[in-house]
């Protein structure tokens, strides 16, 4: 037993509501400074957006660094020491230092990251590199592909391209049998 009457009350309430010792220990740890701010990561076709909940922080209490493809966000929330005439009966808000690190994917344009802090939420916008963004590829109608590769021939210095399927030799002359087919009336 401790000499803290409020702690005794809290322990009794915890037992009454069925909270386990592990849960009570976790709650106590959270109030003593071991905390991790929650993060949401959202992606669309143009960017990745990282949102970190940091209520009660000021901009100058947050540090953002990018090194070797790793984004690191640091900060510290100071516990308000008891003021004259105030006694804390319960402390549930988290205090202390935090560090969050995120390995950025290769498709992020690391030179153009932007950070915005508003209403207790830090937003880090990470645009995607242009070549990594999805793009529509237009399909154009064309000739049926025969599987034959064009052959470059240069008889007499002139460039002429025909396919073997049409019956031309590399020299540009009709193949045997092709001459007769071309000579027949249609």
C-alpha atoms as a PDB file:
ATOM      1  CA  UNK A   1       0.000   0.000   0.000  1.00  0.00           C
ATOM      2  CA  UNK A   2       1.124   3.504  -0.748  1.00  0.00           C
ATOM      3  CA  UNK A   3       0.538   6.650   1.237  1.00  0.00           C
ATOM      4  CA  UNK A   4      -1.156   8.222  -1.775  1.00  0.00           C
ATOM      5  CA  UNK A   5      -4.910   8.209  -1.095  1.00  0.00           C
ATOM      6  CA  UNK A   6      -5.705   9.038  -4.731  1.00  0.00           C
ATOM      7  CA  UNK A   7      -3.652   6.100  -5.962  1.00  0.00           C
ATOM      8  CA  UNK A   8      -5.540   3.823  -3.573  1.00  0.00           C
ATOM      9  CA  UNK A   9      -8.863   5.130  -4.915  1.00  0.00           C
ATOM     10  CA  UNK A  10      -7.658   4.586  -8.486  1.00  0.00           C
ATOM     11  CA  UNK A  11      -6.572   1.026  -7.675  1.00  0.00           C
ATOM     12  CA  UNK A  12      -9.966   0.242  -6.123  1.00  0.00           C
ATOM     13  CA  UNK A  13     -11.794   1.689  -9.144  1.00  0.00           C
ATOM     14  CA  UNK A  14      -9.579  -0.302 -11.496  1.00  0.00           C
ATOM     15  CA  UNK A  15     -10.326  -3.531  -9.616  1.00  0.00           C
ATOM     16  CA  UNK A  16     -14.044  -2.709  -9.511  1.00  0.00           C
ATOM     17  CA  UNK A  17     -14.156  -2.233 -13.292  1.00  0.00           C
ATOM     18  CA  UNK A  18     -12.060  -5.325 -13.940  1.00  0.00           C
ATOM     19  CA  UNK A  19      -8.920  -3.638 -15.232  1.00  0.00           C
ATOM     20  CA  UNK A  20      -5.939  -5.963 -15.098  1.00  0.00           C
ATOM     21  CA  UNK A  21      -2.595  -5.062 -13.563  1.00  0.00           C
ATOM     22  CA  UNK A  22      -1.069  -4.999 -17.068  1.00  0.00           C
ATOM     23  CA  UNK A  23      -3.653  -2.437 -18.142  1.00  0.00           C
ATOM     24  CA  UNK A  24      -3.015  -0.331 -15.015  1.00  0.00           C
ATOM     25  CA  UNK A  25       0.739  -0.502 -15.658  1.00  0.00           C
ATOM     26  CA  UNK A  26       0.227   0.552 -19.280  1.00  0.00           C
ATOM     27  CA  UNK A  27      -1.958   3.467 -18.194  1.00  0.00           C
ATOM     28  CA  UNK A  28       0.678   4.546 -15.710  1.00  0.00           C
ATOM     29  CA  UNK A  29       3.447   4.232 -18.313  1.00  0.00           C
ATOM     30  CA  UNK A  30       1.456   6.388 -20.712  1.00  0.00           C
ATOM     31  CA  UNK A  31       1.134   9.097 -18.090  1.00  0.00           C
ATOM     32  CA  UNK A  32       4.852   8.995 -17.287  1.00  0.00           C
ATOM     33  CA  UNK A  33       6.079   9.939 -20.731  1.00  0.00           C
ATOM     34  CA  UNK A  34       6.354   6.849 -22.904  1.00  0.00           C
ATOM     35  CA  UNK A  35       4.085   7.820 -25.749  1.00  0.00           C
ATOM     36  CA  UNK A  36       3.785   7.640 -29.490  1.00  0.00           C
ATOM     37  CA  UNK A  37       1.578  10.139 -31.314  1.00  0.00           C
ATOM     38  CA  UNK A  38      -0.908   8.490 -33.695  1.00  0.00           C
ATOM     39  CA  UNK A  39      -0.247   8.774 -37.431  1.00  0.00           C
ATOM     40  CA  UNK A  40      -2.411   8.372 -40.532  1.00  0.00           C
ATOM     41  CA  UNK A  41      -0.818   7.847 -43.957  1.00  0.00           C
ATOM     42  CA  UNK A  42      -2.961   8.500 -47.025  1.00  0.00           C
ATOM     43  CA  UNK A  43      -1.979   8.082 -50.681  1.00  0.00           C
ATOM     44  CA  UNK A  44      -3.517   9.262 -53.926  1.00  0.00           C
ATOM     45  CA  UNK A  45      -2.180   9.351 -57.482  1.00  0.00           C
ATOM     46  CA  UNK A  46      -0.128  12.522 -56.918  1.00  0.00           C
ATOM     47  CA  UNK A  47       1.120  12.359 -53.328  1.00  0.00           C
ATOM     48  CA  UNK A  48       1.455  10.642 -49.981  1.00  0.00           C
ATOM     49  CA  UNK A  49       0.168  12.556 -46.959  1.00  0.00           C
ATOM     50  CA  UNK A  50       1.409  11.834 -43.434  1.00  0.00           C
ATOM     51  CA  UNK A  51      -0.775  13.237 -40.622  1.00  0.00           C
ATOM     52  CA  UNK A  52       0.496  13.231 -37.019  1.00  0.00           C
ATOM     53  CA  UNK A  53      -1.740  14.183 -34.073  1.00  0.00           C
ATOM     54  CA  UNK A  54       0.180  16.578 -31.831  1.00  0.00           C
ATOM     55  CA  UNK A  55      -2.392  18.470 -29.742  1.00  0.00           C
ATOM     56  CA  UNK A  56      -0.964  21.095 -27.439  1.00  0.00           C
ATOM     57  CA  UNK A  57       2.292  21.419 -29.384  1.00  0.00           C
ATOM     58  CA  UNK A  58       3.721  24.568 -30.882  1.00  0.00           C
ATOM     59  CA  UNK A  59       5.539  24.524 -34.235  1.00  0.00           C
ATOM     60  CA  UNK A  60       8.910  25.229 -32.618  1.00  0.00           C
ATOM     61  CA  UNK A  61       8.545  22.114 -30.420  1.00  0.00           C
ATOM     62  CA  UNK A  62       8.526  19.816 -33.460  1.00  0.00           C
ATOM     63  CA  UNK A  63      11.515  18.801 -35.582  1.00  0.00           C
ATOM     64  CA  UNK A  64      11.322  17.152 -39.018  1.00  0.00           C
ATOM     65  CA  UNK A  65      14.428  15.735 -40.715  1.00  0.00           C
ATOM     66  CA  UNK A  66      15.012  13.805 -43.919  1.00  0.00           C
ATOM     67  CA  UNK A  67      18.208  11.796 -44.137  1.00  0.00           C
ATOM     68  CA  UNK A  68      18.971   8.954 -46.524  1.00  0.00           C
ATOM     69  CA  UNK A  69      15.346   8.316 -47.413  1.00  0.00           C
ATOM     70  CA  UNK A  70      14.207   8.235 -43.772  1.00  0.00           C
ATOM     71  CA  UNK A  71      11.840  10.914 -42.472  1.00  0.00           C
ATOM     72  CA  UNK A  72      12.181  11.532 -38.715  1.00  0.00           C
ATOM     73  CA  UNK A  73       9.699  13.548 -36.657  1.00  0.00           C
ATOM     74  CA  UNK A  74      10.680  14.480 -33.082  1.00  0.00           C
ATOM     75  CA  UNK A  75       9.112  16.480 -30.328  1.00  0.00           C
ATOM     76  CA  UNK A  76       8.647  16.855 -26.626  1.00  0.00           C
ATOM     77  CA  UNK A  77       5.636  17.778 -24.548  1.00  0.00           C
ATOM     78  CA  UNK A  78       6.600  19.136 -21.148  1.00  0.00           C
ATOM     79  CA  UNK A  79       4.569  18.192 -18.110  1.00  0.00           C
ATOM     80  CA  UNK A  80       3.205  21.222 -16.310  1.00  0.00           C
ATOM     81  CA  UNK A  81       4.607  21.036 -12.845  1.00  0.00           C
ATOM     82  CA  UNK A  82       2.152  21.535 -10.085  1.00  0.00           C
ATOM     83  CA  UNK A  83       1.334  25.163  -9.664  1.00  0.00           C
ATOM     84  CA  UNK A  84       0.549  26.870  -6.402  1.00  0.00           C
ATOM     85  CA  UNK A  85      -2.932  25.915  -5.354  1.00  0.00           C
ATOM     86  CA  UNK A  86      -3.245  23.001  -7.841  1.00  0.00           C
ATOM     87  CA  UNK A  87      -3.113  19.317  -7.101  1.00  0.00           C
ATOM     88  CA  UNK A  88      -3.279  16.731  -9.880  1.00  0.00           C
ATOM     89  CA  UNK A  89      -5.545  13.812  -9.009  1.00  0.00           C
ATOM     90  CA  UNK A  90      -5.145  12.016 -12.323  1.00  0.00           C
ATOM     91  CA  UNK A  91      -2.835  12.571 -15.297  1.00  0.00           C
ATOM     92  CA  UNK A  92      -3.895  10.749 -18.478  1.00  0.00           C
ATOM     93  CA  UNK A  93      -2.379  12.957 -21.136  1.00  0.00           C
ATOM     94  CA  UNK A  94       0.977  11.800 -22.436  1.00  0.00           C
ATOM     95  CA  UNK A  95       4.138  13.775 -21.825  1.00  0.00           C
ATOM     96  CA  UNK A  96       7.766  13.467 -22.735  1.00  0.00           C
ATOM     97  CA  UNK A  97       9.760  12.995 -25.897  1.00  0.00           C
ATOM     98  CA  UNK A  98       8.692  11.112 -28.974  1.00  0.00           C
ATOM     99  CA  UNK A  99      10.446  10.043 -32.161  1.00  0.00           C
ATOM    100  CA  UNK A 100       8.666   8.646 -35.224  1.00  0.00           C
ATOM    101  CA  UNK A 101      10.615   7.448 -38.263  1.00  0.00           C
ATOM    102  CA  UNK A 102       9.292   6.532 -41.695  1.00  0.00           C
ATOM    103  CA  UNK A 103      11.203   5.041 -44.614  1.00  0.00           C
ATOM    104  CA  UNK A 104      10.039   6.859 -47.728  1.00  0.00           C
ATOM    105  CA  UNK A 105       9.172   4.836 -50.823  1.00  0.00           C
ATOM    106  CA  UNK A 106      11.287   5.338 -53.946  1.00  0.00           C
ATOM    107  CA  UNK A 107       8.466   7.089 -55.812  1.00  0.00           C
ATOM    108  CA  UNK A 108       8.531  10.139 -53.477  1.00  0.00           C
ATOM    109  CA  UNK A 109      10.040  13.410 -54.751  1.00  0.00           C
ATOM    110  CA  UNK A 110      12.279  13.993 -51.734  1.00  0.00           C
ATOM    111  CA  UNK A 111      13.272  17.488 -52.837  1.00  0.00           C
ATOM    112  CA  UNK A 112       9.721  18.864 -52.586  1.00  0.00           C
ATOM    113  CA  UNK A 113       8.378  17.757 -49.194  1.00  0.00           C
ATOM    114  CA  UNK A 114       6.128  20.283 -47.438  1.00  0.00           C
ATOM    115  CA  UNK A 115       5.005  20.443 -43.802  1.00  0.00           C
ATOM    116  CA  UNK A 116       2.013  22.251 -42.339  1.00  0.00           C
ATOM    117  CA  UNK A 117       0.939  22.420 -38.686  1.00  0.00           C
ATOM    118  CA  UNK A 118      -2.633  23.439 -37.939  1.00  0.00           C
ATOM    119  CA  UNK A 119      -5.103  22.670 -35.141  1.00  0.00           C
ATOM    120  CA  UNK A 120      -2.750  20.198 -33.470  1.00  0.00           C
ATOM    121  CA  UNK A 121      -2.195  18.122 -36.617  1.00  0.00           C
ATOM    122  CA  UNK A 122       1.142  18.021 -38.448  1.00  0.00           C
ATOM    123  CA  UNK A 123       0.740  17.242 -42.151  1.00  0.00           C
ATOM    124  CA  UNK A 124       3.758  16.259 -44.218  1.00  0.00           C
ATOM    125  CA  UNK A 125       2.973  16.259 -47.936  1.00  0.00           C
ATOM    126  CA  UNK A 126       5.222  14.070 -50.060  1.00  0.00           C
ATOM    127  CA  UNK A 127       4.581  14.511 -53.790  1.00  0.00           C
ATOM    128  CA  UNK A 128       5.302  11.583 -56.065  1.00  0.00           C
ATOM    129  CA  UNK A 129       7.974  11.891 -58.733  1.00  0.00           C
ATOM    130  CA  UNK A 130       6.480  12.662 -62.137  1.00  0.00           C
ATOM    131  CA  UNK A 131       7.687   9.416 -63.682  1.00  0.00           C
ATOM    132  CA  UNK A 132       6.166   7.431 -60.793  1.00  0.00           C
ATOM    133  CA  UNK A 133       2.671   8.827 -61.253  1.00  0.00           C
ATOM    134  CA  UNK A 134       0.160   6.714 -63.141  1.00  0.00           C
ATOM    135  CA  UNK A 135      -0.541   7.927 -66.635  1.00  0.00           C
ATOM    136  CA  UNK A 136      -2.981   6.979 -69.351  1.00  0.00           C
ATOM    137  CA  UNK A 137      -1.496   5.381 -72.464  1.00  0.00           C
ATOM    138  CA  UNK A 138      -3.437   6.115 -75.629  1.00  0.00           C
ATOM    139  CA  UNK A 139      -4.155   3.221 -77.962  1.00  0.00           C
ATOM    140  CA  UNK A 140      -4.044   4.089 -81.653  1.00  0.00           C
ATOM    141  CA  UNK A 141      -5.511   1.916 -84.378  1.00  0.00           C
ATOM    142  CA  UNK A 142      -2.895   0.451 -86.661  1.00  0.00           C
ATOM    143  CA  UNK A 143      -2.066  -2.370 -89.017  1.00  0.00           C
ATOM    144  CA  UNK A 144      -2.280  -5.910 -87.788  1.00  0.00           C
ATOM    145  CA  UNK A 145       1.085  -7.005 -86.506  1.00  0.00           C
ATOM    146  CA  UNK A 146       2.422  -9.960 -88.485  1.00  0.00           C
ATOM    147  CA  UNK A 147       5.317 -10.813 -86.233  1.00  0.00           C
ATOM    148  CA  UNK A 148       7.774 -10.034 -89.052  1.00  0.00           C
ATOM    149  CA  UNK A 149      10.440  -7.434 -88.484  1.00  0.00           C
ATOM    150  CA  UNK A 150      11.107  -4.875 -91.196  1.00  0.00           C
ATOM    151  CA  UNK A 151      14.331  -5.316 -93.121  1.00  0.00           C
ATOM    152  CA  UNK A 152      16.414  -2.355 -94.204  1.00  0.00           C
ATOM    153  CA  UNK A 153      17.776  -2.758 -97.719  1.00  0.00           C
ATOM    154  CA  UNK A 154      19.817  -0.263 -99.630  1.00  0.00           C
ATOM    155  CA  UNK A 155      20.053  -1.246-103.287  1.00  0.00           C
ATOM    156  CA  UNK A 156      21.908   1.398-105.224  1.00  0.00           C
ATOM    157  CA  UNK A 157      22.258   3.632-102.188  1.00  0.00           C
ATOM    158  CA  UNK A 158      18.476   4.115-101.746  1.00  0.00           C
ATOM    159  CA  UNK A 159      16.854   2.970 -98.529  1.00  0.00           C
ATOM    160  CA  UNK A 160      13.956   0.593 -99.002  1.00  0.00           C
ATOM    161  CA  UNK A 161      12.097  -1.336 -96.319  1.00  0.00           C
ATOM    162  CA  UNK A 162       9.977  -4.376 -97.074  1.00  0.00           C
ATOM    163  CA  UNK A 163       9.004  -7.419 -95.082  1.00  0.00           C
ATOM    164  CA  UNK A 164       9.903 -10.948 -96.084  1.00  0.00           C
ATOM    165  CA  UNK A 165       6.209 -11.770 -95.872  1.00  0.00           C
ATOM    166  CA  UNK A 166       5.570  -9.624 -98.932  1.00  0.00           C
ATOM    167  CA  UNK A 167       8.007 -11.726-100.867  1.00  0.00           C
ATOM    168  CA  UNK A 168      11.024  -9.424-101.227  1.00  0.00           C
ATOM    169  CA  UNK A 169      14.583 -10.563-100.850  1.00  0.00           C
ATOM    170  CA  UNK A 170      17.054  -8.489 -98.870  1.00  0.00           C
ATOM    171  CA  UNK A 171      18.134  -6.994-102.214  1.00  0.00           C
ATOM    172  CA  UNK A 172      14.566  -5.824-102.831  1.00  0.00           C
ATOM    173  CA  UNK A 173      13.815  -8.311-105.638  1.00  0.00           C
ATOM    174  CA  UNK A 174      10.660 -10.464-105.603  1.00  0.00           C
ATOM    175  CA  UNK A 175      11.245 -13.998-104.331  1.00  0.00           C
ATOM    176  CA  UNK A 176      10.736 -17.027-106.574  1.00  0.00           C
ATOM    177  CA  UNK A 177       7.070 -17.580-107.240  1.00  0.00           C
ATOM    178  CA  UNK A 178       6.283 -14.052-106.139  1.00  0.00           C
ATOM    179  CA  UNK A 179       7.190 -12.693-109.624  1.00  0.00           C
ATOM    180  CA  UNK A 180       4.601 -14.976-111.206  1.00  0.00           C
ATOM    181  CA  UNK A 181       1.879 -14.009-108.701  1.00  0.00           C
ATOM    182  CA  UNK A 182       2.511 -10.304-109.288  1.00  0.00           C
ATOM    183  CA  UNK A 183       2.337 -10.794-113.078  1.00  0.00           C
ATOM    184  CA  UNK A 184      -1.078 -12.522-113.005  1.00  0.00           C
ATOM    185  CA  UNK A 185      -4.081 -10.308-113.797  1.00  0.00           C
ATOM    186  CA  UNK A 186      -6.461  -9.711-110.913  1.00  0.00           C
END
